[in-house]
Protein backbone atom coordinates (compact mmCIF):
# COMPACT_ATOMS: atom_id res chain seq x y z
CA UNK A 1 10.83 -42.19 64.62
CA UNK A 2 9.46 -41.10 67.61
CA UNK A 3 11.33 -37.92 68.38
CA UNK A 4 10.21 -37.08 64.49
CA UNK A 5 6.48 -37.20 65.35
CA UNK A 6 6.42 -33.67 67.50
CA UNK A 7 8.09 -32.42 64.37
CA UNK A 8 5.87 -33.43 61.46
CA UNK A 9 2.63 -32.07 63.53
CA UNK A 10 4.47 -28.77 64.35
CA UNK A 11 5.27 -29.28 60.29
CA UNK A 12 1.80 -29.68 59.31
CA UNK A 13 0.11 -27.15 61.93
CA UNK A 14 2.68 -24.74 60.40
CA UNK A 15 1.57 -25.59 56.76
CA UNK A 16 -2.04 -24.97 57.95
CA UNK A 17 -1.32 -22.08 59.24
CA UNK A 18 0.67 -20.36 56.51
CA UNK A 19 -2.07 -21.45 54.40
CA UNK A 20 -4.79 -19.74 56.15
CA UNK A 21 -3.04 -16.35 57.07
CA UNK A 22 -0.46 -16.17 54.43
CA UNK A 23 -1.36 -18.15 51.00
CA UNK A 24 -4.96 -17.55 50.97
CA UNK A 25 -5.12 -13.55 51.64
CA UNK A 26 -1.95 -13.79 48.79
CA UNK A 27 -3.98 -15.88 46.33
CA UNK A 28 -7.08 -13.35 46.84
CA UNK A 29 -5.29 -10.08 46.29
CA UNK A 30 -3.54 -11.54 43.00
CA UNK A 31 -6.83 -12.86 42.25
CA UNK A 32 -7.87 -9.42 42.69
CA UNK A 33 -4.89 -7.80 40.97
CA UNK A 34 -5.61 -9.82 37.89
CA UNK A 35 -9.11 -9.29 38.01
CA UNK A 36 -8.64 -5.40 37.94
CA UNK A 37 -5.56 -5.87 35.39
CA UNK A 38 -8.00 -7.80 33.13
CA UNK A 39 -10.98 -5.37 33.66
CA UNK A 40 -8.58 -2.48 32.73
CA UNK A 41 -7.36 -4.56 29.99
CA UNK A 42 -11.23 -4.91 28.67
CA UNK A 43 -11.95 -1.16 29.30
CA UNK A 44 -8.88 -0.10 27.30
CA UNK A 45 -9.48 -2.46 24.31
CA UNK A 46 -13.85 -1.77 24.74
CA UNK A 47 -12.22 2.09 24.56
CA UNK A 48 -9.71 1.35 21.55
CA UNK A 49 -12.75 -0.04 19.85
CA UNK A 50 -14.82 2.64 20.37
CA UNK A 51 -12.39 4.80 19.07
CA UNK A 52 -11.99 3.03 16.01
CA UNK A 53 -15.57 2.93 15.12
CA UNK A 54 -16.01 6.66 15.76
CA UNK A 55 -13.02 6.86 13.44
CA UNK A 56 -14.80 5.16 10.60
CA UNK A 57 -17.96 7.02 11.08
CA UNK A 58 -16.32 9.95 10.85
CA UNK A 59 -14.49 9.17 7.71
CA UNK A 60 -17.35 7.61 6.38
CA UNK A 61 -19.41 10.55 7.17
CA UNK A 62 -16.50 13.09 5.85
CA UNK A 63 -16.73 10.90 2.54
CA UNK A 64 -20.59 11.21 2.14
CA UNK A 65 -20.01 15.17 2.68
CA UNK A 66 -17.56 14.90 0.42
CA UNK A 67 -19.61 12.99 -2.34
CA UNK A 68 -22.38 15.46 -1.46
CA UNK A 69 -20.30 18.68 -2.25
CA UNK A 70 -19.30 17.12 -5.40
CA UNK A 71 -22.39 16.29 -6.29
CA UNK A 72 -23.72 19.67 -5.60
CA UNK A 73 -20.75 21.06 -7.77
CA UNK A 74 -21.59 18.96 -10.38
CA UNK A 75 -25.04 19.87 -10.60
CA UNK A 76 -24.18 23.43 -10.49
CA UNK A 77 -21.82 23.10 -13.44
CA UNK A 78 -24.24 21.55 -14.87
CA UNK A 79 -27.19 24.07 -14.73
CA UNK A 80 -24.45 26.65 -15.48
CA UNK A 81 -24.03 25.12 -18.59
CA UNK A 82 -27.93 24.43 -19.47
CA UNK A 83 -28.03 28.27 -18.71
CA UNK A 84 -25.11 28.96 -20.94
CA UNK A 85 -26.51 26.97 -23.75
CA UNK A 86 -29.85 28.59 -23.64
CA UNK A 87 -28.35 31.91 -23.54
CA UNK A 88 -26.12 31.24 -26.42
CA UNK A 89 -28.98 29.56 -28.40
CA UNK A 90 -31.49 32.82 -27.79
CA UNK A 91 -28.25 34.57 -28.91
CA UNK A 92 -28.43 32.88 -32.07
CA UNK A 93 -31.68 33.45 -32.67
CA UNK A 94 -31.30 37.40 -32.06
CA UNK A 95 -28.57 37.55 -34.58
CA UNK A 96 -30.16 35.18 -36.92
CA UNK A 97 -33.31 37.66 -37.22
CA UNK A 98 -30.91 40.41 -36.99
CA UNK A 99 -29.00 38.69 -39.95
CA UNK A 100 -32.47 37.73 -41.77
CA UNK A 101 -33.64 41.40 -41.51
CA UNK A 102 -30.49 42.63 -42.69
CA UNK A 103 -30.30 40.53 -45.34
CA UNK A 104 -34.31 41.76 -46.20
CA UNK A 105 -33.02 44.99 -46.13
CA UNK A 106 -30.27 44.71 -48.27
CA UNK A 107 -32.29 42.67 -50.82
CA UNK A 108 -34.88 45.78 -50.59
CA UNK A 109 -32.17 48.17 -50.82
CA UNK A 110 -30.55 46.21 -54.04
CA UNK A 111 -33.92 46.22 -55.77
CA UNK A 112 -34.85 49.25 -55.47
CA UNK A 113 -31.46 50.42 -56.38
CA UNK A 114 -31.99 48.19 -59.55
CA UNK A 115 -35.13 49.91 -60.43
CA UNK A 116 -33.47 53.17 -59.86
CA UNK A 117 -30.44 52.02 -62.12
CA UNK A 118 -32.91 50.92 -64.74
CA UNK A 119 -34.83 53.96 -64.18
CA UNK A 120 -31.90 56.23 -64.75
CA UNK A 121 -30.02 54.19 -67.56
CA UNK A 122 -33.19 54.44 -69.12
CA UNK A 123 -33.23 57.99 -69.04
CA UNK A 124 -29.50 58.14 -69.54
CA UNK A 125 -29.71 56.26 -72.76
CA UNK A 126 -32.79 58.92 -73.86
CA UNK A 127 -30.36 61.60 -73.13
CA UNK A 128 -27.61 60.30 -74.83
CA UNK A 129 -29.84 59.18 -77.70
CA UNK A 130 -31.16 62.68 -77.89
CA UNK A 131 -27.92 64.21 -77.72
CA UNK A 132 -26.38 61.98 -80.41
CA UNK A 133 -29.70 62.93 -83.01
CA UNK A 134 -29.59 66.30 -81.78
CA UNK A 135 -25.71 66.61 -82.61
CA UNK A 136 -26.56 64.53 -86.14
CA UNK A 137 -29.36 67.30 -87.12
CA UNK A 138 -27.48 69.87 -86.66
CA UNK A 139 -24.09 68.69 -88.33
């Protein structure tokens, strides 16, 4: 057992020497590597999350722009329909006025024609009657 004491002391000294010279620096390097790896992972995750946020913002702005374009198109279409309706109403008024004027003109011409026809028929009747009476008086 006495002979084992130097081996035990040597083993204890070797343990502390390896711990101080090998294991502590190795643990330090491993901790640094883990910290760097974890930091890089966190940085990558943060970049990925930022990219997702930007993509969502882009999609939201794109949808808002699309909605604005649709709204403007609808507004333009509504204005065009209003203008078209106003033009149709104006054209209808002009046509009604033209038709009314034409009806009045036709009614006036018809009344004048009736008057002329009445006058002409009365004259013709007088001529026919004169001719018949003159023809009876000769015969």
